[in-house]
ModelCIF file with pLDDT and N, C-alpha, C, O atoms, coordinates in Angstrom:
data_MODEL
#
_entry.id   MODEL 
#
_entity.id                         1 
_entity.type                       polymer 
_entity.pdbx_number_of_molecules   1 
#
_entity_poly.entity_id                      1 
_entity_poly.type                           'polypeptide(L)' 
_entity_poly.nstd_linkage                   no 
_entity_poly.nstd_monomer                   no 
_entity_poly.pdbx_seq_one_letter_code       
;(UNK)(UNK)(UNK)(UNK)(UNK)(UNK)(UNK)(UNK)(UNK)(UNK)(UNK)(UNK)(UNK)(UNK)(UNK)(UNK)
(UNK)(UNK)(UNK)(UNK)(UNK)(UNK)(UNK)(UNK)(UNK)(UNK)(UNK)(UNK)(UNK)(UNK)(UNK)(UNK)
(UNK)(UNK)(UNK)(UNK)(UNK)(UNK)(UNK)(UNK)(UNK)(UNK)(UNK)(UNK)(UNK)(UNK)(UNK)
;
_entity_poly.pdbx_seq_one_letter_code_can   XXXXXXXXXXXXXXXXXXXXXXXXXXXXXXXXXXXXXXXXXXXXXXX 
_entity_poly.pdbx_strand_id                 A 
#
loop_
_entity_poly_seq.entity_id 
_entity_poly_seq.num 
_entity_poly_seq.mon_id 
_entity_poly_seq.hetero 
1 1  UNK n 
1 2  UNK n 
1 3  UNK n 
1 4  UNK n 
1 5  UNK n 
1 6  UNK n 
1 7  UNK n 
1 8  UNK n 
1 9  UNK n 
1 10 UNK n 
1 11 UNK n 
1 12 UNK n 
1 13 UNK n 
1 14 UNK n 
1 15 UNK n 
1 16 UNK n 
1 17 UNK n 
1 18 UNK n 
1 19 UNK n 
1 20 UNK n 
1 21 UNK n 
1 22 UNK n 
1 23 UNK n 
1 24 UNK n 
1 25 UNK n 
1 26 UNK n 
1 27 UNK n 
1 28 UNK n 
1 29 UNK n 
1 30 UNK n 
1 31 UNK n 
1 32 UNK n 
1 33 UNK n 
1 34 UNK n 
1 35 UNK n 
1 36 UNK n 
1 37 UNK n 
1 38 UNK n 
1 39 UNK n 
1 40 UNK n 
1 41 UNK n 
1 42 UNK n 
1 43 UNK n 
1 44 UNK n 
1 45 UNK n 
1 46 UNK n 
1 47 UNK n 
#
_struct_asym.id          A 
_struct_asym.entity_id   1 
#
loop_
_ma_qa_metric.id 
_ma_qa_metric.mode 
_ma_qa_metric.name 
_ma_qa_metric.software_group_id 
_ma_qa_metric.type 
1 global pLDDT . pLDDT 
2 local  pLDDT . pLDDT 
#
_ma_qa_metric_global.metric_id      1 
_ma_qa_metric_global.metric_value   67.60 
_ma_qa_metric_global.model_id       1 
_ma_qa_metric_global.ordinal_id     1 
#
loop_
_ma_qa_metric_local.label_asym_id 
_ma_qa_metric_local.label_comp_id 
_ma_qa_metric_local.label_seq_id 
_ma_qa_metric_local.metric_id 
_ma_qa_metric_local.metric_value 
_ma_qa_metric_local.model_id 
_ma_qa_metric_local.ordinal_id 
A UNK 1  2 50.00 1 1  
A UNK 2  2 52.00 1 2  
A UNK 3  2 53.00 1 3  
A UNK 4  2 51.00 1 4  
A UNK 5  2 54.00 1 5  
A UNK 6  2 54.00 1 6  
A UNK 7  2 58.00 1 7  
A UNK 8  2 61.00 1 8  
A UNK 9  2 62.00 1 9  
A UNK 10 2 61.00 1 10 
A UNK 11 2 63.00 1 11 
A UNK 12 2 61.00 1 12 
A UNK 13 2 61.00 1 13 
A UNK 14 2 64.00 1 14 
A UNK 15 2 62.00 1 15 
A UNK 16 2 59.00 1 16 
A UNK 17 2 62.00 1 17 
A UNK 18 2 65.00 1 18 
A UNK 19 2 65.00 1 19 
A UNK 20 2 67.00 1 20 
A UNK 21 2 62.00 1 21 
A UNK 22 2 62.00 1 22 
A UNK 23 2 65.00 1 23 
A UNK 24 2 62.00 1 24 
A UNK 25 2 65.00 1 25 
A UNK 26 2 62.00 1 26 
A UNK 27 2 67.00 1 27 
A UNK 28 2 66.00 1 28 
A UNK 29 2 70.00 1 29 
A UNK 30 2 74.00 1 30 
A UNK 31 2 74.00 1 31 
A UNK 32 2 76.00 1 32 
A UNK 33 2 75.00 1 33 
A UNK 34 2 73.00 1 34 
A UNK 35 2 79.00 1 35 
A UNK 36 2 77.00 1 36 
A UNK 37 2 79.00 1 37 
A UNK 38 2 75.00 1 38 
A UNK 39 2 77.00 1 39 
A UNK 40 2 78.00 1 40 
A UNK 41 2 79.00 1 41 
A UNK 42 2 77.00 1 42 
A UNK 43 2 76.00 1 43 
A UNK 44 2 78.00 1 44 
A UNK 45 2 84.00 1 45 
A UNK 46 2 89.00 1 46 
A UNK 47 2 91.00 1 47 
#
loop_
_atom_site.group_PDB 
_atom_site.id 
_atom_site.type_symbol 
_atom_site.label_atom_id 
_atom_site.label_alt_id 
_atom_site.label_comp_id 
_atom_site.label_asym_id 
_atom_site.label_entity_id 
_atom_site.label_seq_id 
_atom_site.pdbx_PDB_ins_code 
_atom_site.Cartn_x 
_atom_site.Cartn_y 
_atom_site.Cartn_z 
_atom_site.occupancy 
_atom_site.B_iso_or_equiv 
_atom_site.pdbx_formal_charge 
_atom_site.auth_seq_id 
_atom_site.auth_comp_id 
_atom_site.auth_asym_id 
_atom_site.auth_atom_id 
_atom_site.pdbx_PDB_model_num 
ATOM 1   N N  . UNK A 1 1  ? 0.839   -1.203 0.000   1.00 50.00 ? 1  UNK A N  1 
ATOM 2   C CA . UNK A 1 1  ? 0.000   0.000  0.000   1.00 50.00 ? 1  UNK A CA 1 
ATOM 3   C C  . UNK A 1 1  ? 0.866   1.242  0.000   1.00 50.00 ? 1  UNK A C  1 
ATOM 4   O O  . UNK A 1 1  ? 0.550   2.208  -0.694  1.00 50.00 ? 1  UNK A O  1 
ATOM 5   N N  . UNK A 1 2  ? 1.973   1.243  0.775   1.00 52.00 ? 2  UNK A N  1 
ATOM 6   C CA . UNK A 1 2  ? 2.876   2.385  0.824   1.00 52.00 ? 2  UNK A CA 1 
ATOM 7   C C  . UNK A 1 2  ? 3.491   2.660  -0.535  1.00 52.00 ? 2  UNK A C  1 
ATOM 8   O O  . UNK A 1 2  ? 3.546   3.809  -0.975  1.00 52.00 ? 2  UNK A O  1 
ATOM 9   N N  . UNK A 1 3  ? 3.942   1.638  -1.186  1.00 53.00 ? 3  UNK A N  1 
ATOM 10  C CA . UNK A 1 3  ? 4.541   1.830  -2.508  1.00 53.00 ? 3  UNK A CA 1 
ATOM 11  C C  . UNK A 1 3  ? 3.508   2.355  -3.484  1.00 53.00 ? 3  UNK A C  1 
ATOM 12  O O  . UNK A 1 3  ? 3.817   3.153  -4.369  1.00 53.00 ? 3  UNK A O  1 
ATOM 13  N N  . UNK A 1 4  ? 2.261   1.889  -3.309  1.00 51.00 ? 4  UNK A N  1 
ATOM 14  C CA . UNK A 1 4  ? 1.195   2.377  -4.195  1.00 51.00 ? 4  UNK A CA 1 
ATOM 15  C C  . UNK A 1 4  ? 0.953   3.867  -3.971  1.00 51.00 ? 4  UNK A C  1 
ATOM 16  O O  . UNK A 1 4  ? 0.752   4.619  -4.925  1.00 51.00 ? 4  UNK A O  1 
ATOM 17  N N  . UNK A 1 5  ? 0.975   4.300  -2.674  1.00 54.00 ? 5  UNK A N  1 
ATOM 18  C CA . UNK A 1 5  ? 0.775   5.714  -2.353  1.00 54.00 ? 5  UNK A CA 1 
ATOM 19  C C  . UNK A 1 5  ? 1.880   6.559  -2.953  1.00 54.00 ? 5  UNK A C  1 
ATOM 20  O O  . UNK A 1 5  ? 1.622   7.604  -3.551  1.00 54.00 ? 5  UNK A O  1 
ATOM 21  N N  . UNK A 1 6  ? 3.133   6.093  -2.789  1.00 54.00 ? 6  UNK A N  1 
ATOM 22  C CA . UNK A 1 6  ? 4.260   6.835  -3.341  1.00 54.00 ? 6  UNK A CA 1 
ATOM 23  C C  . UNK A 1 6  ? 4.130   6.982  -4.853  1.00 54.00 ? 6  UNK A C  1 
ATOM 24  O O  . UNK A 1 6  ? 4.373   8.043  -5.428  1.00 54.00 ? 6  UNK A O  1 
ATOM 25  N N  . UNK A 1 7  ? 3.737   5.873  -5.468  1.00 58.00 ? 7  UNK A N  1 
ATOM 26  C CA . UNK A 1 7  ? 3.574   5.910  -6.911  1.00 58.00 ? 7  UNK A CA 1 
ATOM 27  C C  . UNK A 1 7  ? 2.477   6.872  -7.339  1.00 58.00 ? 7  UNK A C  1 
ATOM 28  O O  . UNK A 1 7  ? 2.615   7.566  -8.346  1.00 58.00 ? 7  UNK A O  1 
ATOM 29  N N  . UNK A 1 8  ? 1.364   6.916  -6.560  1.00 61.00 ? 8  UNK A N  1 
ATOM 30  C CA . UNK A 1 8  ? 0.267   7.815  -6.910  1.00 61.00 ? 8  UNK A CA 1 
ATOM 31  C C  . UNK A 1 8  ? 0.685   9.270  -6.750  1.00 61.00 ? 8  UNK A C  1 
ATOM 32  O O  . UNK A 1 8  ? 0.278   10.119 -7.543  1.00 61.00 ? 8  UNK A O  1 
ATOM 33  N N  . UNK A 1 9  ? 1.511   9.577  -5.710  1.00 62.00 ? 9  UNK A N  1 
ATOM 34  C CA . UNK A 1 9  ? 1.995   10.944 -5.520  1.00 62.00 ? 9  UNK A CA 1 
ATOM 35  C C  . UNK A 1 9  ? 2.871   11.385 -6.687  1.00 62.00 ? 9  UNK A C  1 
ATOM 36  O O  . UNK A 1 9  ? 2.769   12.517 -7.160  1.00 62.00 ? 9  UNK A O  1 
ATOM 37  N N  . UNK A 1 10 ? 3.729   10.483 -7.144  1.00 61.00 ? 10 UNK A N  1 
ATOM 38  C CA . UNK A 1 10 ? 4.597   10.807 -8.274  1.00 61.00 ? 10 UNK A CA 1 
ATOM 39  C C  . UNK A 1 10 ? 3.784   11.076 -9.536  1.00 61.00 ? 10 UNK A C  1 
ATOM 40  O O  . UNK A 1 10 ? 4.060   12.007 -10.292 1.00 61.00 ? 10 UNK A O  1 
ATOM 41  N N  . UNK A 1 11 ? 2.780   10.236 -9.740  1.00 63.00 ? 11 UNK A N  1 
ATOM 42  C CA . UNK A 1 11 ? 1.955   10.421 -10.944 1.00 63.00 ? 11 UNK A CA 1 
ATOM 43  C C  . UNK A 1 11 ? 1.198   11.744 -10.887 1.00 63.00 ? 11 UNK A C  1 
ATOM 44  O O  . UNK A 1 11 ? 1.028   12.404 -11.912 1.00 63.00 ? 11 UNK A O  1 
ATOM 45  N N  . UNK A 1 12 ? 0.730   12.148 -9.663  1.00 61.00 ? 12 UNK A N  1 
ATOM 46  C CA . UNK A 1 12 ? 0.031   13.423 -9.524  1.00 61.00 ? 12 UNK A CA 1 
ATOM 47  C C  . UNK A 1 12 ? 0.954   14.586 -9.843  1.00 61.00 ? 12 UNK A C  1 
ATOM 48  O O  . UNK A 1 12 ? 0.566   15.525 -10.539 1.00 61.00 ? 12 UNK A O  1 
ATOM 49  N N  . UNK A 1 13 ? 2.204   14.519 -9.321  1.00 61.00 ? 13 UNK A N  1 
ATOM 50  C CA . UNK A 1 13 ? 3.177   15.578 -9.594  1.00 61.00 ? 13 UNK A CA 1 
ATOM 51  C C  . UNK A 1 13 ? 3.469   15.677 -11.092 1.00 61.00 ? 13 UNK A C  1 
ATOM 52  O O  . UNK A 1 13 ? 3.562   16.770 -11.650 1.00 61.00 ? 13 UNK A O  1 
ATOM 53  N N  . UNK A 1 14 ? 3.613   14.513 -11.731 1.00 64.00 ? 14 UNK A N  1 
ATOM 54  C CA . UNK A 1 14 ? 3.880   14.517 -13.172 1.00 64.00 ? 14 UNK A CA 1 
ATOM 55  C C  . UNK A 1 14 ? 2.718   15.118 -13.949 1.00 64.00 ? 14 UNK A C  1 
ATOM 56  O O  . UNK A 1 14 ? 2.917   15.821 -14.940 1.00 64.00 ? 14 UNK A O  1 
ATOM 57  N N  . UNK A 1 15 ? 1.482   14.830 -13.485 1.00 62.00 ? 15 UNK A N  1 
ATOM 58  C CA . UNK A 1 15 ? 0.305   15.368 -14.163 1.00 62.00 ? 15 UNK A CA 1 
ATOM 59  C C  . UNK A 1 15 ? 0.241   16.889 -14.031 1.00 62.00 ? 15 UNK A C  1 
ATOM 60  O O  . UNK A 1 15 ? -0.078  17.596 -14.987 1.00 62.00 ? 15 UNK A O  1 
ATOM 61  N N  . UNK A 1 16 ? 0.554   17.382 -12.818 1.00 59.00 ? 16 UNK A N  1 
ATOM 62  C CA . UNK A 1 16 ? 0.528   18.836 -12.611 1.00 59.00 ? 16 UNK A CA 1 
ATOM 63  C C  . UNK A 1 16 ? 1.599   19.539 -13.435 1.00 59.00 ? 16 UNK A C  1 
ATOM 64  O O  . UNK A 1 16 ? 1.387   20.646 -13.930 1.00 59.00 ? 16 UNK A O  1 
ATOM 65  N N  . UNK A 1 17 ? 2.759   18.884 -13.580 1.00 62.00 ? 17 UNK A N  1 
ATOM 66  C CA . UNK A 1 17 ? 3.813   19.466 -14.401 1.00 62.00 ? 17 UNK A CA 1 
ATOM 67  C C  . UNK A 1 17 ? 3.406   19.547 -15.871 1.00 62.00 ? 17 UNK A C  1 
ATOM 68  O O  . UNK A 1 17 ? 3.745   20.503 -16.569 1.00 62.00 ? 17 UNK A O  1 
ATOM 69  N N  . UNK A 1 18 ? 2.681   18.541 -16.325 1.00 65.00 ? 18 UNK A N  1 
ATOM 70  C CA . UNK A 1 18 ? 2.296   18.502 -17.722 1.00 65.00 ? 18 UNK A CA 1 
ATOM 71  C C  . UNK A 1 18 ? 1.230   19.529 -18.062 1.00 65.00 ? 18 UNK A C  1 
ATOM 72  O O  . UNK A 1 18 ? 1.123   19.944 -19.217 1.00 65.00 ? 18 UNK A O  1 
ATOM 73  N N  . UNK A 1 19 ? 0.407   19.965 -17.042 1.00 65.00 ? 19 UNK A N  1 
ATOM 74  C CA . UNK A 1 19 ? -0.670  20.909 -17.310 1.00 65.00 ? 19 UNK A CA 1 
ATOM 75  C C  . UNK A 1 19 ? -0.113  22.243 -17.775 1.00 65.00 ? 19 UNK A C  1 
ATOM 76  O O  . UNK A 1 19 ? 0.833   22.744 -17.166 1.00 65.00 ? 19 UNK A O  1 
ATOM 77  N N  . UNK A 1 20 ? -0.651  22.834 -18.814 1.00 67.00 ? 20 UNK A N  1 
ATOM 78  C CA . UNK A 1 20 ? -0.154  24.140 -19.278 1.00 67.00 ? 20 UNK A CA 1 
ATOM 79  C C  . UNK A 1 20 ? -0.561  25.264 -18.332 1.00 67.00 ? 20 UNK A C  1 
ATOM 80  O O  . UNK A 1 20 ? -1.696  25.307 -17.858 1.00 67.00 ? 20 UNK A O  1 
ATOM 81  N N  . UNK A 1 21 ? 0.371   26.170 -18.062 1.00 62.00 ? 21 UNK A N  1 
ATOM 82  C CA . UNK A 1 21 ? 0.090   27.307 -17.174 1.00 62.00 ? 21 UNK A CA 1 
ATOM 83  C C  . UNK A 1 21 ? -0.697  28.352 -17.962 1.00 62.00 ? 21 UNK A C  1 
ATOM 84  O O  . UNK A 1 21 ? -0.253  28.775 -19.029 1.00 62.00 ? 21 UNK A O  1 
ATOM 85  N N  . UNK A 1 22 ? -1.874  28.782 -17.450 1.00 62.00 ? 22 UNK A N  1 
ATOM 86  C CA . UNK A 1 22 ? -2.674  29.763 -18.198 1.00 62.00 ? 22 UNK A CA 1 
ATOM 87  C C  . UNK A 1 22 ? -1.965  31.114 -18.273 1.00 62.00 ? 22 UNK A C  1 
ATOM 88  O O  . UNK A 1 22 ? -1.403  31.577 -17.281 1.00 62.00 ? 22 UNK A O  1 
ATOM 89  N N  . UNK A 1 23 ? -1.989  31.730 -19.419 1.00 65.00 ? 23 UNK A N  1 
ATOM 90  C CA . UNK A 1 23 ? -1.356  33.026 -19.613 1.00 65.00 ? 23 UNK A CA 1 
ATOM 91  C C  . UNK A 1 23 ? -2.270  34.148 -19.139 1.00 65.00 ? 23 UNK A C  1 
ATOM 92  O O  . UNK A 1 23 ? -3.481  34.124 -19.362 1.00 65.00 ? 23 UNK A O  1 
ATOM 93  N N  . UNK A 1 24 ? -1.662  35.134 -18.479 1.00 62.00 ? 24 UNK A N  1 
ATOM 94  C CA . UNK A 1 24 ? -2.426  36.293 -18.042 1.00 62.00 ? 24 UNK A CA 1 
ATOM 95  C C  . UNK A 1 24 ? -2.386  37.370 -19.116 1.00 62.00 ? 24 UNK A C  1 
ATOM 96  O O  . UNK A 1 24 ? -1.365  37.600 -19.764 1.00 62.00 ? 24 UNK A O  1 
ATOM 97  N N  . UNK A 1 25 ? -3.503  38.005 -19.278 1.00 65.00 ? 25 UNK A N  1 
ATOM 98  C CA . UNK A 1 25 ? -3.566  39.057 -20.277 1.00 65.00 ? 25 UNK A CA 1 
ATOM 99  C C  . UNK A 1 25 ? -2.747  40.257 -19.823 1.00 65.00 ? 25 UNK A C  1 
ATOM 100 O O  . UNK A 1 25 ? -2.712  40.561 -18.631 1.00 65.00 ? 25 UNK A O  1 
ATOM 101 N N  . UNK A 1 26 ? -2.097  40.934 -20.736 1.00 62.00 ? 26 UNK A N  1 
ATOM 102 C CA . UNK A 1 26 ? -1.333  42.127 -20.325 1.00 62.00 ? 26 UNK A CA 1 
ATOM 103 C C  . UNK A 1 26 ? -2.255  43.219 -19.786 1.00 62.00 ? 26 UNK A C  1 
ATOM 104 O O  . UNK A 1 26 ? -3.325  43.480 -20.334 1.00 62.00 ? 26 UNK A O  1 
ATOM 105 N N  . UNK A 1 27 ? -1.810  43.849 -18.698 1.00 67.00 ? 27 UNK A N  1 
ATOM 106 C CA . UNK A 1 27 ? -2.628  44.877 -18.051 1.00 67.00 ? 27 UNK A CA 1 
ATOM 107 C C  . UNK A 1 27 ? -2.448  46.208 -18.749 1.00 67.00 ? 27 UNK A C  1 
ATOM 108 O O  . UNK A 1 27 ? -1.397  46.492 -19.324 1.00 67.00 ? 27 UNK A O  1 
ATOM 109 N N  . UNK A 1 28 ? -3.494  47.020 -18.688 1.00 66.00 ? 28 UNK A N  1 
ATOM 110 C CA . UNK A 1 28 ? -3.402  48.365 -19.231 1.00 66.00 ? 28 UNK A CA 1 
ATOM 111 C C  . UNK A 1 28 ? -2.573  49.240 -18.309 1.00 66.00 ? 28 UNK A C  1 
ATOM 112 O O  . UNK A 1 28 ? -2.381  48.921 -17.136 1.00 66.00 ? 28 UNK A O  1 
ATOM 113 N N  . UNK A 1 29 ? -2.090  50.330 -18.845 1.00 70.00 ? 29 UNK A N  1 
ATOM 114 C CA . UNK A 1 29 ? -1.255  51.221 -18.035 1.00 70.00 ? 29 UNK A CA 1 
ATOM 115 C C  . UNK A 1 29 ? -2.053  51.883 -16.922 1.00 70.00 ? 29 UNK A C  1 
ATOM 116 O O  . UNK A 1 29 ? -1.506  52.163 -15.855 1.00 70.00 ? 29 UNK A O  1 
ATOM 117 N N  . UNK A 1 30 ? -3.355  52.141 -17.154 1.00 74.00 ? 30 UNK A N  1 
ATOM 118 C CA . UNK A 1 30 ? -4.213  52.763 -16.147 1.00 74.00 ? 30 UNK A CA 1 
ATOM 119 C C  . UNK A 1 30 ? -5.529  52.003 -16.082 1.00 74.00 ? 30 UNK A C  1 
ATOM 120 O O  . UNK A 1 30 ? -5.992  51.491 -17.102 1.00 74.00 ? 30 UNK A O  1 
ATOM 121 N N  . UNK A 1 31 ? -6.143  51.917 -14.896 1.00 74.00 ? 31 UNK A N  1 
ATOM 122 C CA . UNK A 1 31 ? -7.446  51.253 -14.815 1.00 74.00 ? 31 UNK A CA 1 
ATOM 123 C C  . UNK A 1 31 ? -8.512  52.052 -15.561 1.00 74.00 ? 31 UNK A C  1 
ATOM 124 O O  . UNK A 1 31 ? -8.456  53.280 -15.636 1.00 74.00 ? 31 UNK A O  1 
ATOM 125 N N  . UNK A 1 32 ? -9.481  51.327 -16.107 1.00 76.00 ? 32 UNK A N  1 
ATOM 126 C CA . UNK A 1 32 ? -10.525 51.981 -16.906 1.00 76.00 ? 32 UNK A CA 1 
ATOM 127 C C  . UNK A 1 32 ? -11.462 52.782 -16.021 1.00 76.00 ? 32 UNK A C  1 
ATOM 128 O O  . UNK A 1 32 ? -11.857 53.888 -16.389 1.00 76.00 ? 32 UNK A O  1 
ATOM 129 N N  . UNK A 1 33 ? -11.828 52.245 -14.852 1.00 75.00 ? 33 UNK A N  1 
ATOM 130 C CA . UNK A 1 33 ? -12.750 52.934 -13.957 1.00 75.00 ? 33 UNK A CA 1 
ATOM 131 C C  . UNK A 1 33 ? -12.201 52.876 -12.540 1.00 75.00 ? 33 UNK A C  1 
ATOM 132 O O  . UNK A 1 33 ? -11.017 52.605 -12.340 1.00 75.00 ? 33 UNK A O  1 
ATOM 133 N N  . UNK A 1 34 ? -13.069 53.133 -11.543 1.00 73.00 ? 34 UNK A N  1 
ATOM 134 C CA . UNK A 1 34 ? -12.611 53.160 -10.158 1.00 73.00 ? 34 UNK A CA 1 
ATOM 135 C C  . UNK A 1 34 ? -12.752 51.808 -9.465  1.00 73.00 ? 34 UNK A C  1 
ATOM 136 O O  . UNK A 1 34 ? -12.693 51.742 -8.237  1.00 73.00 ? 34 UNK A O  1 
ATOM 137 N N  . UNK A 1 35 ? -12.937 50.731 -10.224 1.00 79.00 ? 35 UNK A N  1 
ATOM 138 C CA . UNK A 1 35 ? -12.971 49.379 -9.667  1.00 79.00 ? 35 UNK A CA 1 
ATOM 139 C C  . UNK A 1 35 ? -11.848 48.589 -10.328 1.00 79.00 ? 35 UNK A C  1 
ATOM 140 O O  . UNK A 1 35 ? -11.896 48.308 -11.526 1.00 79.00 ? 35 UNK A O  1 
ATOM 141 N N  . UNK A 1 36 ? -10.833 48.231 -9.533  1.00 77.00 ? 36 UNK A N  1 
ATOM 142 C CA . UNK A 1 36 ? -9.675  47.548 -10.100 1.00 77.00 ? 36 UNK A CA 1 
ATOM 143 C C  . UNK A 1 36 ? -8.939  46.794 -8.994  1.00 77.00 ? 36 UNK A C  1 
ATOM 144 O O  . UNK A 1 36 ? -9.211  46.987 -7.809  1.00 77.00 ? 36 UNK A O  1 
ATOM 145 N N  . UNK A 1 37 ? -8.016  45.944 -9.392  1.00 79.00 ? 37 UNK A N  1 
ATOM 146 C CA . UNK A 1 37 ? -7.238  45.154 -8.443  1.00 79.00 ? 37 UNK A CA 1 
ATOM 147 C C  . UNK A 1 37 ? -6.085  46.008 -7.909  1.00 79.00 ? 37 UNK A C  1 
ATOM 148 O O  . UNK A 1 37 ? -5.231  46.456 -8.674  1.00 79.00 ? 37 UNK A O  1 
ATOM 149 N N  . UNK A 1 38 ? -6.067  46.225 -6.618  1.00 75.00 ? 38 UNK A N  1 
ATOM 150 C CA . UNK A 1 38 ? -5.066  47.125 -6.031  1.00 75.00 ? 38 UNK A CA 1 
ATOM 151 C C  . UNK A 1 38 ? -3.659  46.561 -6.102  1.00 75.00 ? 38 UNK A C  1 
ATOM 152 O O  . UNK A 1 38 ? -2.692  47.322 -6.048  1.00 75.00 ? 38 UNK A O  1 
ATOM 153 N N  . UNK A 1 39 ? -3.518  45.234 -6.221  1.00 77.00 ? 39 UNK A N  1 
ATOM 154 C CA . UNK A 1 39 ? -2.149  44.681 -6.294  1.00 77.00 ? 39 UNK A CA 1 
ATOM 155 C C  . UNK A 1 39 ? -1.597  44.701 -7.720  1.00 77.00 ? 39 UNK A C  1 
ATOM 156 O O  . UNK A 1 39 ? -0.438  44.349 -7.937  1.00 77.00 ? 39 UNK A O  1 
ATOM 157 N N  . UNK A 1 40 ? -2.411  45.109 -8.688  1.00 78.00 ? 40 UNK A N  1 
ATOM 158 C CA . UNK A 1 40 ? -1.938  45.270 -10.055 1.00 78.00 ? 40 UNK A CA 1 
ATOM 159 C C  . UNK A 1 40 ? -1.668  46.731 -10.411 1.00 78.00 ? 40 UNK A C  1 
ATOM 160 O O  . UNK A 1 40 ? -0.771  47.026 -11.201 1.00 78.00 ? 40 UNK A O  1 
ATOM 161 N N  . UNK A 1 41 ? -2.435  47.627 -9.836  1.00 79.00 ? 41 UNK A N  1 
ATOM 162 C CA . UNK A 1 41 ? -2.329  49.047 -10.183 1.00 79.00 ? 41 UNK A CA 1 
ATOM 163 C C  . UNK A 1 41 ? -1.954  49.876 -8.967  1.00 79.00 ? 41 UNK A C  1 
ATOM 164 O O  . UNK A 1 41 ? -2.344  49.563 -7.842  1.00 79.00 ? 41 UNK A O  1 
ATOM 165 N N  . UNK A 1 42 ? -1.207  50.917 -9.198  1.00 77.00 ? 42 UNK A N  1 
ATOM 166 C CA . UNK A 1 42 ? -0.880  51.833 -8.113  1.00 77.00 ? 42 UNK A CA 1 
ATOM 167 C C  . UNK A 1 42 ? -2.099  52.674 -7.769  1.00 77.00 ? 42 UNK A C  1 
ATOM 168 O O  . UNK A 1 42 ? -2.931  52.983 -8.623  1.00 77.00 ? 42 UNK A O  1 
ATOM 169 N N  . UNK A 1 43 ? -2.181  53.038 -6.479  1.00 76.00 ? 43 UNK A N  1 
ATOM 170 C CA . UNK A 1 43 ? -3.302  53.866 -6.042  1.00 76.00 ? 43 UNK A CA 1 
ATOM 171 C C  . UNK A 1 43 ? -3.166  55.260 -6.661  1.00 76.00 ? 43 UNK A C  1 
ATOM 172 O O  . UNK A 1 43 ? -2.101  55.869 -6.556  1.00 76.00 ? 43 UNK A O  1 
ATOM 173 N N  . UNK A 1 44 ? -4.219  55.783 -7.305  1.00 78.00 ? 44 UNK A N  1 
ATOM 174 C CA . UNK A 1 44 ? -4.080  57.092 -7.954  1.00 78.00 ? 44 UNK A CA 1 
ATOM 175 C C  . UNK A 1 44 ? -3.936  58.216 -6.945  1.00 78.00 ? 44 UNK A C  1 
ATOM 176 O O  . UNK A 1 44 ? -4.479  58.142 -5.843  1.00 78.00 ? 44 UNK A O  1 
ATOM 177 N N  . UNK A 1 45 ? -3.210  59.247 -7.316  1.00 84.00 ? 45 UNK A N  1 
ATOM 178 C CA . UNK A 1 45 ? -3.050  60.424 -6.468  1.00 84.00 ? 45 UNK A CA 1 
ATOM 179 C C  . UNK A 1 45 ? -3.510  61.644 -7.241  1.00 84.00 ? 45 UNK A C  1 
ATOM 180 O O  . UNK A 1 45 ? -3.421  61.686 -8.468  1.00 84.00 ? 45 UNK A O  1 
ATOM 181 N N  . UNK A 1 46 ? -4.001  62.630 -6.519  1.00 89.00 ? 46 UNK A N  1 
ATOM 182 C CA . UNK A 1 46 ? -4.577  63.819 -7.129  1.00 89.00 ? 46 UNK A CA 1 
ATOM 183 C C  . UNK A 1 46 ? -3.975  65.073 -6.509  1.00 89.00 ? 46 UNK A C  1 
ATOM 184 O O  . UNK A 1 46 ? -3.484  65.051 -5.380  1.00 89.00 ? 46 UNK A O  1 
ATOM 185 N N  . UNK A 1 47 ? -4.021  66.150 -7.256  1.00 91.00 ? 47 UNK A N  1 
ATOM 186 C CA . UNK A 1 47 ? -3.592  67.437 -6.731  1.00 91.00 ? 47 UNK A CA 1 
ATOM 187 C C  . UNK A 1 47 ? -4.612  67.979 -5.745  1.00 91.00 ? 47 UNK A C  1 
ATOM 188 O O  . UNK A 1 47 ? -4.423  69.063 -5.194  1.00 91.00 ? 47 UNK A O  1 
#
């Protein structure tokens, strides 16, 4: 059973490696509106 578990873990790792990583779309230089992801865009500042 132990050897079977080890083998299943290896196969899972191999499967995850084979999966293609999804590409992220390039972000715009400025957010379109006032709803946006704060970790992608800098907080706007005003005079």
